[in-house]
Amino acid sequence: MSSRHWMFAAVFGTGLLLVANHSAAEPKQALLAFADPVESKDDDRHKWNGLPPGSGREDVFYTCQTCHSLQIVKQQGLGRSSWDETLTWMVEEQGLKEPDTQVRERILDYLAEHFGLGR
């Protein structure tokens, strides 16, 4: 057996011994040793490239990054009317597919709330 295999066997075996030893006293805790970690709010933001939770986040995530980084969105700090003008410009001049009215409203509401003036 190579040294790499021995190291794996030692680490894996130690983990099994620790769980087995622990499981004799508290079986539920032994199962938790192999459970997925609990997600935190930071994990959630990481999945959405830093976009905070809220209605419209998914629309912003999938609409805006079809053309550019979400970092550009997050650094703007525009009022709702300026976001609206920017979205219109992107549709008319940059070839962004026009979002339907409900999606557009959610996008504008989200952007104004989370990346608006005085945020």
Protein backbone atom coordinates (compact mmCIF):
# COMPACT_ATOMS: atom_id res chain seq x y z
CA MET A 1 0.00 0.00 0.00
CA SER A 2 1.33 3.46 -0.89
CA SER A 3 1.84 6.17 1.73
CA ARG A 4 -1.17 8.02 0.30
CA HIS A 5 -3.38 4.97 0.86
CA TRP A 6 -2.05 4.54 4.40
CA MET A 7 -2.77 8.18 5.19
CA PHE A 8 -6.33 7.86 3.88
CA ALA A 9 -6.87 4.67 5.86
CA ALA A 10 -5.53 6.29 9.03
CA VAL A 11 -7.69 9.41 8.70
CA PHE A 12 -10.81 7.50 7.66
CA GLY A 13 -10.31 4.87 10.34
CA THR A 14 -9.81 7.51 13.04
CA GLY A 15 -13.03 9.20 11.96
CA LEU A 16 -14.93 5.92 12.16
CA LEU A 17 -13.49 5.19 15.59
CA LEU A 18 -14.48 8.62 16.86
CA VAL A 19 -18.01 8.26 15.50
CA ALA A 20 -18.34 4.69 16.76
CA ASN A 21 -17.07 5.69 20.19
CA HIS A 22 -19.40 8.69 20.28
CA SER A 23 -22.36 6.75 18.90
CA ALA A 24 -22.37 4.31 21.78
CA ALA A 25 -23.27 7.14 24.13
CA GLU A 26 -25.37 9.32 21.84
CA PRO A 27 -26.53 7.67 18.57
CA LYS A 28 -28.25 10.81 17.21
CA GLN A 29 -25.04 12.82 17.53
CA ALA A 30 -23.13 10.19 15.54
CA LEU A 31 -25.46 10.69 12.59
CA LEU A 32 -24.93 14.46 12.77
CA ALA A 33 -21.22 13.91 12.16
CA PHE A 34 -22.08 13.10 8.54
CA ALA A 35 -24.91 15.62 8.03
CA ASP A 36 -24.65 18.54 5.65
CA PRO A 37 -23.74 21.80 7.37
CA VAL A 38 -26.54 24.25 8.03
CA GLU A 39 -26.67 27.10 5.53
CA SER A 40 -26.13 30.58 6.82
CA LYS A 41 -27.36 33.88 5.41
CA ASP A 42 -23.89 34.37 3.91
CA ASP A 43 -24.19 31.04 2.06
CA ASP A 44 -27.50 32.22 0.59
CA ARG A 45 -25.97 35.48 -0.62
CA HIS A 46 -23.03 33.56 -2.08
CA LYS A 47 -25.41 31.47 -4.21
CA TRP A 48 -26.91 34.70 -5.58
CA ASN A 49 -23.57 36.52 -6.16
CA GLY A 50 -24.12 38.84 -3.20
CA LEU A 51 -27.70 39.85 -3.98
CA PRO A 52 -29.66 40.28 -0.75
CA PRO A 53 -32.89 38.31 -0.28
CA GLY A 54 -36.10 39.89 -1.50
CA SER A 55 -38.82 39.75 -4.10
CA GLY A 56 -37.20 40.21 -7.49
CA ARG A 57 -33.77 38.83 -6.58
CA GLU A 58 -34.12 35.85 -8.92
CA ASP A 59 -35.32 38.11 -11.75
CA VAL A 60 -32.35 40.45 -11.29
CA PHE A 61 -29.94 37.52 -11.02
CA TYR A 62 -31.01 35.89 -14.28
CA THR A 63 -31.80 39.05 -16.28
CA CYS A 64 -28.83 41.27 -15.49
CA GLN A 65 -26.00 38.80 -15.70
CA THR A 66 -26.96 37.68 -19.20
CA CYS A 67 -24.89 40.68 -20.35
CA HIS A 68 -22.63 41.73 -17.48
CA SER A 69 -21.42 41.04 -13.96
CA LEU A 70 -23.77 41.61 -11.05
CA GLN A 71 -21.00 43.69 -9.49
CA ILE A 72 -21.93 46.43 -11.96
CA VAL A 73 -25.51 46.33 -10.67
CA LYS A 74 -24.47 46.34 -7.02
CA GLN A 75 -22.30 49.45 -7.33
CA GLN A 76 -24.76 51.75 -9.14
CA GLY A 77 -26.96 53.34 -6.47
CA LEU A 78 -29.63 54.65 -8.86
CA GLY A 79 -33.14 55.85 -8.12
CA ARG A 80 -36.07 53.82 -9.47
CA SER A 81 -36.60 56.14 -12.46
CA SER A 82 -32.90 55.90 -13.37
CA TRP A 83 -33.05 52.11 -13.10
CA ASP A 84 -36.09 52.22 -15.38
CA GLU A 85 -34.23 54.37 -17.95
CA THR A 86 -31.22 52.04 -17.75
CA LEU A 87 -33.38 48.98 -18.32
CA THR A 88 -35.07 50.66 -21.30
CA TRP A 89 -31.65 51.56 -22.74
CA MET A 90 -30.46 47.96 -22.32
CA VAL A 91 -33.51 46.66 -24.18
CA GLU A 92 -33.39 49.26 -26.98
CA GLU A 93 -29.63 49.59 -27.47
CA GLN A 94 -28.00 46.48 -26.05
CA GLY A 95 -30.38 43.75 -27.20
CA LEU A 96 -31.70 42.67 -23.80
CA LYS A 97 -34.93 40.73 -24.19
CA GLU A 98 -37.79 42.89 -22.90
CA PRO A 99 -39.01 41.43 -19.59
CA ASP A 100 -42.77 41.17 -19.24
CA THR A 101 -44.46 43.92 -17.22
CA GLN A 102 -44.65 42.00 -13.92
CA VAL A 103 -41.01 40.91 -14.10
CA ARG A 104 -39.90 44.42 -15.02
CA GLU A 105 -41.75 45.87 -12.02
CA ARG A 106 -40.19 43.30 -9.67
CA ILE A 107 -36.74 44.07 -11.08
CA LEU A 108 -37.20 47.82 -10.67
CA ASP A 109 -38.65 47.47 -7.15
CA TYR A 110 -35.78 45.20 -6.10
CA LEU A 111 -33.08 47.41 -7.61
CA ALA A 112 -34.54 50.58 -6.08
CA GLU A 113 -34.82 48.97 -2.65
CA HIS A 114 -31.43 47.26 -2.50
CA PHE A 115 -29.27 49.29 -4.88
CA GLY A 116 -31.05 52.63 -4.92
CA LEU A 117 -30.18 56.12 -3.74
CA GLY A 118 -29.17 56.35 -0.09
CA ARG A 119 -28.85 52.61 0.40
